[in-house]
Each structure stands twice: as C-alpha cells, then as structure tokens.
C-alpha cells in the first residue's frame, strides 16, 4: 500500500507542476500565437508568420493568403540560408560564420504583456544576448522588437541588423539616402536610380561568378520587396549615415552567386553599451497583396506611392 500511495503522491506532484499534460511553454503563449511541435505560428487575418525557437528564434516562414514570401528551410545543416535573423553590427566584430548561440542555437520561450518573447543564451565571444519580441498590430502588420544586451565586462559599440532571405526573383527598392552605393568586397549590384529610389530588379543572367551587393544610406525608414503581386515592407527609424556602425550602411541588398536567395538587410543606430546595458530597436513588417492594377503594372513611382500610403 505504501508504494501505491507513493506513486499516487508522485503523480499528483507531476500534475501540479506540469498541469494535466499541457506543456509549460504552451501555457506561456499569448492568445495570438499557437504552437505546433517545435514551431510557433502568429496568424492575423490573411497573414501567417512562423517562428522556430529551437533554431535561433528565427522567422522561418511568412505567408499572405497562403503565398510564401521568404526562403524557407531546406536543410537544417545549412542554417544560414533561410528565414530572418538578427545580427550584431558591425559584422567585422565577429566576421563569418554567424555566431551559433545567437543565430541558430535554441532560444528560451516566454511572454510579457501579451507579447511573444524569445531570448538567446549569452554568446561567449561577444558577450551579447539577443531578445526578440513579437506583437501583431493589425491584420497585415507585425511589430518585431529586438534587444541586444551587453553582458561583457567592457563597453561595446553595437547596432542591430535584421537579415531577411527572399526568393531570387522580384524587385527591391527604398528611398535613396545621402551616400552613394558601394559594394564592399563583392561585385556591385546592378541598381537604378528612379525618382530618388534605389531600385533593384533581380536578373539571374547578371549574377557573375561571385556574390553581388549594394550598401547605401536610406531615407524615410523603409525598404520594400515585391514579387508575384505580393509586397513586403520593413518600416524602422531612419538614421543619418553618421549614426551607422563603421564600415556599414543603413540598407544592404545581397544576391547569392548560386541564385539561392536575395538578402534584404537594414540596421539601426550604433549605440555605446556599458556592461549590463541594452539597446532596443523595432521593425514593423507590412505584408500586402497588391491591388490588381498595380500587380499587373508594378511601376516604380506608383509602387513607392502605395508603400508610403501604408506607412
């Protein structure tokens, strides 16, 4: 009998701690977020964002009315080739490849004020810890707030840099800022200046035997991507060139030599963080299916006017 009561007591303790078979992670999720195995889903209207806490807390899919906008997971052995991640800037601090702890290792799942919160471990090389907070703010908008905390024993100058991998097709554009385009160590990207917009139309035939890149200051605080009648706009605080990390630019477009993806990157201001201090930076993701007339004729000036109407 004593063994039986011991077993019952043990089961009662387990139920009290873990709650009738529900996981602790499931209980922590805000109402707008659902969990399916190792993946989280935020669904608002026709917009559906997927996040993978166990793989760097990265955004792994973005669909509007069932249409996929991002380059999604193909092979977990190629962690860097898909989805959306946060990097620290300048990249020269960590070079390449990205730091596993921040880019691809598991993040802790939680919530705060009805927001979904994912937190990395502390990276031993840089002392940085990343936090990613997600909150839908409309049927076609999701606010992503990034925090970088300095856990090292010295002051750090660091900026947040969001990196999104898009299919190798379509157009990318942003208001041209106060610096000329540069390409760093890569071939220059074949961009045009149209009505004070920097405009890039993907053409696989123009990708030579290396990666291509453009880096430039932007204006107005947005960068956009359009393909097959669907639009993704990233909205963020605009900063002057002097506020950006050394050797970097506010906006960067990058094309892979093997035609795997286009990277759309934007970054915030560089901040001096004393030990224990942190910075926060928000990006609003706008996703739309274009009006029929604009989808049939995605003329640059009209597209830019449509983007500005959303913001």
Protein backbone atom coordinates (compact mmCIF):
# COMPACT_ATOMS: atom_id res chain seq x y z
CA UNK A 1 0.00 0.00 0.00
CA UNK A 2 2.80 2.42 0.85
CA UNK A 3 4.26 2.01 -2.63
CA UNK A 4 0.85 2.68 -4.18
CA UNK A 5 0.36 5.88 -2.17
CA UNK A 6 3.89 6.95 -3.02
CA UNK A 7 3.09 6.56 -6.71
CA UNK A 8 -0.16 8.50 -6.35
CA UNK A 9 1.65 11.26 -4.49
CA UNK A 10 4.31 11.35 -7.20
CA UNK A 11 1.69 11.64 -9.95
CA UNK A 12 -0.12 14.38 -8.03
CA UNK A 13 3.11 16.38 -7.78
CA UNK A 14 3.73 15.94 -11.53
CA UNK A 15 0.23 17.17 -12.34
CA UNK A 16 0.66 20.16 -10.06
CA UNK A 17 3.97 21.06 -11.64
CA UNK A 18 3.18 20.37 -15.29
CA UNK A 19 -0.59 20.78 -15.50
CA UNK A 20 -2.61 17.85 -16.86
CA UNK A 21 -0.33 17.11 -19.77
CA UNK A 22 -0.03 20.71 -21.02
CA UNK A 23 3.49 21.95 -21.53
CA UNK A 24 4.72 24.99 -19.65
CA UNK A 25 5.63 26.57 -22.99
CA UNK A 26 2.07 26.24 -24.28
CA UNK A 27 0.67 27.99 -21.18
CA UNK A 28 3.06 30.91 -21.72
CA UNK A 29 1.92 31.69 -25.26
CA UNK A 30 -0.13 34.83 -25.95
CA UNK A 31 -3.58 34.32 -27.48
CA UNK A 32 -2.44 35.33 -30.98
CA UNK A 33 0.22 32.60 -31.05
CA UNK A 34 -0.15 28.84 -31.47
CA UNK A 35 2.38 26.04 -31.12
CA UNK A 36 2.76 23.01 -33.36
CA UNK A 37 5.67 20.87 -32.24
CA UNK A 38 8.84 22.94 -32.44
CA UNK A 39 7.20 25.76 -34.43
CA UNK A 40 5.18 28.78 -33.38
CA UNK A 41 2.55 30.48 -35.53
CA UNK A 42 1.27 34.03 -35.43
CA UNK A 43 -1.89 34.40 -37.52
CA UNK A 44 -3.64 37.72 -38.09
CA UNK A 45 -6.17 37.98 -40.90
CA UNK A 46 -4.53 36.57 -44.05
CA UNK A 47 -1.03 36.97 -42.60
CA UNK A 48 0.76 33.98 -41.05
CA UNK A 49 4.26 34.14 -39.56
CA UNK A 50 6.14 31.03 -38.42
CA UNK A 51 8.94 31.15 -35.82
CA UNK A 52 11.35 28.41 -34.74
CA UNK A 53 12.55 28.93 -31.14
CA UNK A 54 14.95 25.98 -31.36
CA UNK A 55 16.73 27.43 -34.40
CA UNK A 56 17.85 30.87 -33.29
CA UNK A 57 14.30 32.06 -32.65
CA UNK A 58 14.26 32.89 -36.35
CA UNK A 59 11.30 33.74 -38.54
CA UNK A 60 11.12 30.65 -40.75
CA UNK A 61 8.06 31.40 -42.91
CA UNK A 62 5.87 34.36 -43.85
CA UNK A 63 2.68 33.73 -45.80
CA UNK A 64 -0.08 36.00 -47.00
CA UNK A 65 -3.26 34.25 -48.11
CA UNK A 66 -1.18 31.07 -48.44
CA UNK A 67 1.56 32.66 -50.60
CA UNK A 68 5.08 32.17 -49.19
CA UNK A 69 7.25 35.30 -49.24
CA UNK A 70 10.50 34.08 -47.63
CA UNK A 71 13.10 31.48 -48.49
CA UNK A 72 12.11 28.69 -46.12
CA UNK A 73 14.04 25.85 -44.52
CA UNK A 74 15.58 23.36 -46.93
CA UNK A 75 18.29 21.72 -44.87
CA UNK A 76 18.99 22.30 -41.17
CA UNK A 77 22.69 21.72 -41.93
CA UNK A 78 22.56 25.00 -43.90
CA UNK A 79 21.39 27.18 -41.05
CA UNK A 80 22.36 30.49 -42.65
CA UNK A 81 20.46 30.10 -45.92
CA UNK A 82 16.84 30.76 -44.98
CA UNK A 83 14.39 32.82 -42.95
CA UNK A 84 15.04 36.00 -40.99
CA UNK A 85 17.63 36.50 -38.25
CA UNK A 86 19.17 39.24 -36.12
CA UNK A 87 22.89 40.01 -36.34
CA UNK A 88 25.02 42.49 -34.44
CA UNK A 89 26.75 45.24 -36.42
CA UNK A 90 29.49 45.89 -37.35
CA UNK A 91 29.93 42.41 -38.76
CA UNK A 92 33.71 42.91 -38.53
CA UNK A 93 33.43 42.15 -34.79
CA UNK A 94 32.57 38.50 -35.49
CA UNK A 95 33.40 38.10 -39.21
CA UNK A 96 31.97 34.82 -40.57
CA UNK A 97 30.17 32.49 -40.00
CA UNK A 98 27.40 33.89 -37.77
CA UNK A 99 27.64 33.16 -34.05
CA UNK A 100 25.77 29.91 -33.31
CA UNK A 101 24.48 31.00 -29.91
CA UNK A 102 22.68 33.99 -31.42
CA UNK A 103 21.94 32.76 -34.94
CA UNK A 104 20.99 29.08 -34.72
CA UNK A 105 21.01 27.70 -31.17
CA UNK A 106 17.76 27.38 -29.14
CA UNK A 107 16.12 30.45 -27.61
CA UNK A 108 14.07 30.40 -24.41
CA UNK A 109 10.35 30.90 -24.95
CA UNK A 110 8.24 33.23 -22.80
CA UNK A 111 5.73 36.08 -22.87
CA UNK A 112 5.47 39.61 -21.48
CA UNK A 113 2.42 41.93 -21.57
CA UNK A 114 0.78 39.61 -24.11
CA UNK A 115 3.84 39.67 -26.33
CA UNK A 116 5.76 36.63 -27.55
CA UNK A 117 9.34 36.81 -26.24
CA UNK A 118 12.32 34.68 -27.30
CA UNK A 119 15.69 35.02 -25.55
CA UNK A 120 19.08 33.61 -26.54
CA UNK A 121 21.85 32.41 -24.29
CA UNK A 122 24.82 34.75 -23.81
CA UNK A 123 27.38 34.49 -26.59
CA UNK A 124 30.82 33.83 -25.10
CA UNK A 125 32.74 35.61 -27.88
CA UNK A 126 30.92 38.96 -27.85
CA UNK A 127 29.04 38.89 -24.55
CA UNK A 128 25.80 39.71 -26.39
CA UNK A 129 22.39 38.29 -25.57
CA UNK A 130 19.52 38.75 -28.04
CA UNK A 131 15.84 39.09 -27.21
CA UNK A 132 13.14 39.03 -29.92
CA UNK A 133 9.62 40.23 -29.11
CA UNK A 134 6.67 39.73 -31.49
CA UNK A 135 3.32 41.54 -31.43
CA UNK A 136 0.68 41.73 -34.19
CA UNK A 137 -0.60 45.30 -34.60
CA UNK A 138 -3.15 44.69 -37.37
CA UNK A 139 -4.31 42.12 -39.90
CA UNK A 140 -1.29 42.75 -42.11
CA UNK A 141 1.33 44.10 -39.69
CA UNK A 142 3.58 42.54 -37.06
CA UNK A 143 5.92 44.52 -34.83
CA UNK A 144 9.25 42.84 -34.07
CA UNK A 145 11.32 44.45 -31.30
CA UNK A 146 14.93 43.41 -30.88
CA UNK A 147 17.03 43.84 -27.76
CA UNK A 148 20.80 43.45 -27.58
CA UNK A 149 22.21 43.26 -24.05
CA UNK A 150 25.91 43.65 -23.32
CA UNK A 151 26.96 41.00 -20.80
CA UNK A 152 30.69 41.50 -21.40
CA UNK A 153 32.99 43.32 -18.97
CA UNK A 154 33.70 46.22 -21.36
CA UNK A 155 31.82 48.93 -23.22
CA UNK A 156 30.61 47.86 -26.66
CA UNK A 157 29.57 49.90 -29.69
CA UNK A 158 26.91 47.84 -31.42
CA UNK A 159 23.93 48.17 -33.75
CA UNK A 160 21.05 45.79 -34.55
CA UNK A 161 20.92 44.32 -38.07
CA UNK A 162 17.91 42.39 -39.40
CA UNK A 163 18.60 39.93 -42.24
CA UNK A 164 15.76 38.51 -44.40
CA UNK A 165 16.26 35.89 -47.14
CA UNK A 166 13.92 36.29 -50.11
CA UNK A 167 13.46 34.17 -53.26
CA UNK A 168 15.72 35.02 -56.23
CA UNK A 169 13.07 36.95 -58.16
CA UNK A 170 11.16 40.19 -57.93
CA UNK A 171 12.11 43.79 -57.15
CA UNK A 172 13.57 45.54 -54.09
CA UNK A 173 13.54 49.30 -53.54
CA UNK A 174 13.99 52.05 -50.97
CA UNK A 175 14.30 55.86 -50.88
CA UNK A 176 17.84 56.85 -51.76
CA UNK A 177 19.72 58.49 -48.90
CA UNK A 178 22.77 60.71 -48.53
CA UNK A 179 25.50 58.26 -49.59
CA UNK A 180 26.36 56.69 -52.93
CA UNK A 181 26.00 52.91 -53.34
CA UNK A 182 29.06 50.79 -52.51
CA UNK A 183 29.59 47.03 -52.74
CA UNK A 184 32.40 46.21 -50.31
CA UNK A 185 34.42 43.15 -51.39
CA UNK A 186 31.69 41.86 -53.75
CA UNK A 187 30.58 42.71 -57.27
CA UNK A 188 28.31 45.77 -57.42
CA UNK A 189 24.61 45.07 -57.64
CA UNK A 190 23.01 46.42 -60.81
CA UNK A 191 20.72 49.04 -59.26
CA UNK A 192 18.93 52.00 -60.82
CA UNK A 193 18.09 55.46 -59.53
CA UNK A 194 14.39 56.03 -60.27
CA UNK A 195 12.67 59.08 -58.82
CA UNK A 196 15.13 59.17 -55.89
CA UNK A 197 14.57 55.46 -55.24
CA UNK A 198 17.31 52.88 -55.37
CA UNK A 199 15.68 50.11 -57.40
CA UNK A 200 16.88 46.57 -57.98
CA UNK A 201 15.21 44.03 -60.29
CA UNK A 202 16.56 40.52 -59.93
CA UNK A 203 18.08 39.11 -63.12
CA UNK A 204 19.93 35.80 -62.78
CA UNK A 205 21.83 36.45 -66.01
CA UNK A 206 23.56 39.44 -64.39
CA UNK A 207 24.88 37.44 -61.43
CA UNK A 208 28.53 36.78 -62.23
CA UNK A 209 30.96 34.36 -60.56
CA UNK A 210 30.62 35.88 -57.12
CA UNK A 211 28.05 37.36 -54.77
CA UNK A 212 26.74 40.86 -55.53
CA UNK A 213 25.96 43.60 -53.04
CA UNK A 214 24.81 47.19 -52.65
CA UNK A 215 25.16 49.15 -49.39
CA UNK A 216 23.71 52.64 -49.00
CA UNK A 217 22.07 55.13 -46.70
CA UNK A 218 18.29 55.25 -46.99
CA UNK A 219 15.63 57.84 -46.24
CA UNK A 220 12.14 57.69 -44.72
CA UNK A 221 12.86 54.48 -42.76
CA UNK A 222 11.63 51.74 -45.09
CA UNK A 223 12.75 49.11 -47.60
CA UNK A 224 10.39 47.03 -49.75
CA UNK A 225 10.21 43.83 -51.77
CA UNK A 226 7.58 42.95 -54.39
CA UNK A 227 7.17 39.67 -56.27
CA UNK A 228 4.26 37.92 -57.97
CA UNK A 229 1.81 40.59 -56.78
CA UNK A 230 2.76 40.45 -53.08
CA UNK A 231 4.51 43.17 -51.11
CA UNK A 232 6.71 43.07 -48.00
CA UNK A 233 7.71 46.38 -46.41
CA UNK A 234 10.06 46.78 -43.44
CA UNK A 235 9.50 50.03 -41.50
CA UNK A 236 12.05 51.32 -38.97
CA UNK A 237 13.51 54.52 -37.53
CA UNK A 238 15.56 56.37 -40.15
CA UNK A 239 19.09 57.33 -39.10
CA UNK A 240 21.73 59.58 -40.68
CA UNK A 241 24.92 57.97 -42.05
CA UNK A 242 26.93 59.16 -39.01
CA UNK A 243 24.77 57.03 -36.69
CA UNK A 244 25.52 53.77 -38.53
CA UNK A 245 28.31 51.42 -37.44
CA UNK A 246 31.76 51.98 -39.06
CA UNK A 247 32.09 50.30 -42.46
CA UNK A 248 28.33 49.66 -42.63
CA UNK A 249 25.32 51.33 -44.28
CA UNK A 250 21.70 51.60 -43.21
CA UNK A 251 20.36 49.37 -46.02
CA UNK A 252 22.01 46.46 -47.81
CA UNK A 253 20.90 44.15 -50.62
CA UNK A 254 22.85 40.98 -51.37
CA UNK A 255 22.44 38.30 -54.06
CA UNK A 256 23.87 34.79 -53.71
CA UNK A 257 26.13 33.59 -56.53
CA UNK A 258 24.25 30.26 -56.75
CA UNK A 259 20.86 32.01 -57.11
CA UNK A 260 19.68 30.66 -53.75
CA UNK A 261 18.35 33.89 -52.23
CA UNK A 262 18.36 37.66 -52.05
CA UNK A 263 19.14 39.20 -48.67
CA UNK A 264 17.30 42.34 -47.62
CA UNK A 265 19.04 43.93 -44.63
CA UNK A 266 18.51 47.09 -42.63
CA UNK A 267 20.09 48.25 -39.41
CA UNK A 268 19.59 50.68 -36.58
CA UNK A 269 21.90 53.22 -35.00
CA UNK A 270 25.13 52.17 -33.31
CA UNK A 271 24.92 52.56 -29.52
CA UNK A 272 27.65 52.54 -26.85
CA UNK A 273 26.58 49.96 -24.26
CA UNK A 274 28.30 49.77 -20.89
CA UNK A 275 28.38 46.33 -19.23
CA UNK A 276 24.82 45.35 -18.35
CA UNK A 277 23.17 47.93 -20.66
CA UNK A 278 20.97 47.15 -23.65
CA UNK A 279 19.51 48.74 -26.76
CA UNK A 280 16.08 48.18 -28.31
CA UNK A 281 15.05 48.55 -31.95
CA UNK A 282 11.69 47.88 -33.60
CA UNK A 283 10.83 46.84 -37.14
CA UNK A 284 7.24 46.78 -38.39
CA UNK A 285 6.57 44.16 -41.06
CA UNK A 286 3.81 45.17 -43.50
CA UNK A 287 2.53 42.47 -45.87
CA UNK A 288 0.01 43.08 -48.64
CA UNK A 289 -1.41 41.57 -51.78
CA UNK A 290 -1.16 44.40 -54.32
CA UNK A 291 -4.26 45.89 -55.91
CA UNK A 292 -4.89 44.20 -59.27
CA UNK A 293 -3.92 47.19 -61.42
CA UNK A 294 -0.64 47.66 -59.53
CA UNK A 295 0.14 43.93 -59.61
CA UNK A 296 -0.24 43.91 -63.40
CA UNK A 297 1.86 47.05 -63.82
CA UNK A 298 4.29 47.39 -60.86
CA UNK A 299 5.62 50.75 -62.00
CA UNK A 300 8.24 52.13 -59.56
CA UNK A 301 6.72 55.53 -58.76
CA UNK A 302 3.24 54.06 -58.26
CA UNK A 303 4.62 51.28 -56.05
CA UNK A 304 6.52 53.75 -53.90
CA UNK A 305 3.36 55.86 -53.52
CA UNK A 306 1.44 52.74 -52.44
CA UNK A 307 4.11 51.86 -49.87
CA UNK A 308 4.02 55.40 -48.45
CA UNK A 309 0.23 55.18 -48.15
CA UNK A 310 0.67 52.12 -45.89
CA UNK A 311 3.12 53.88 -43.60
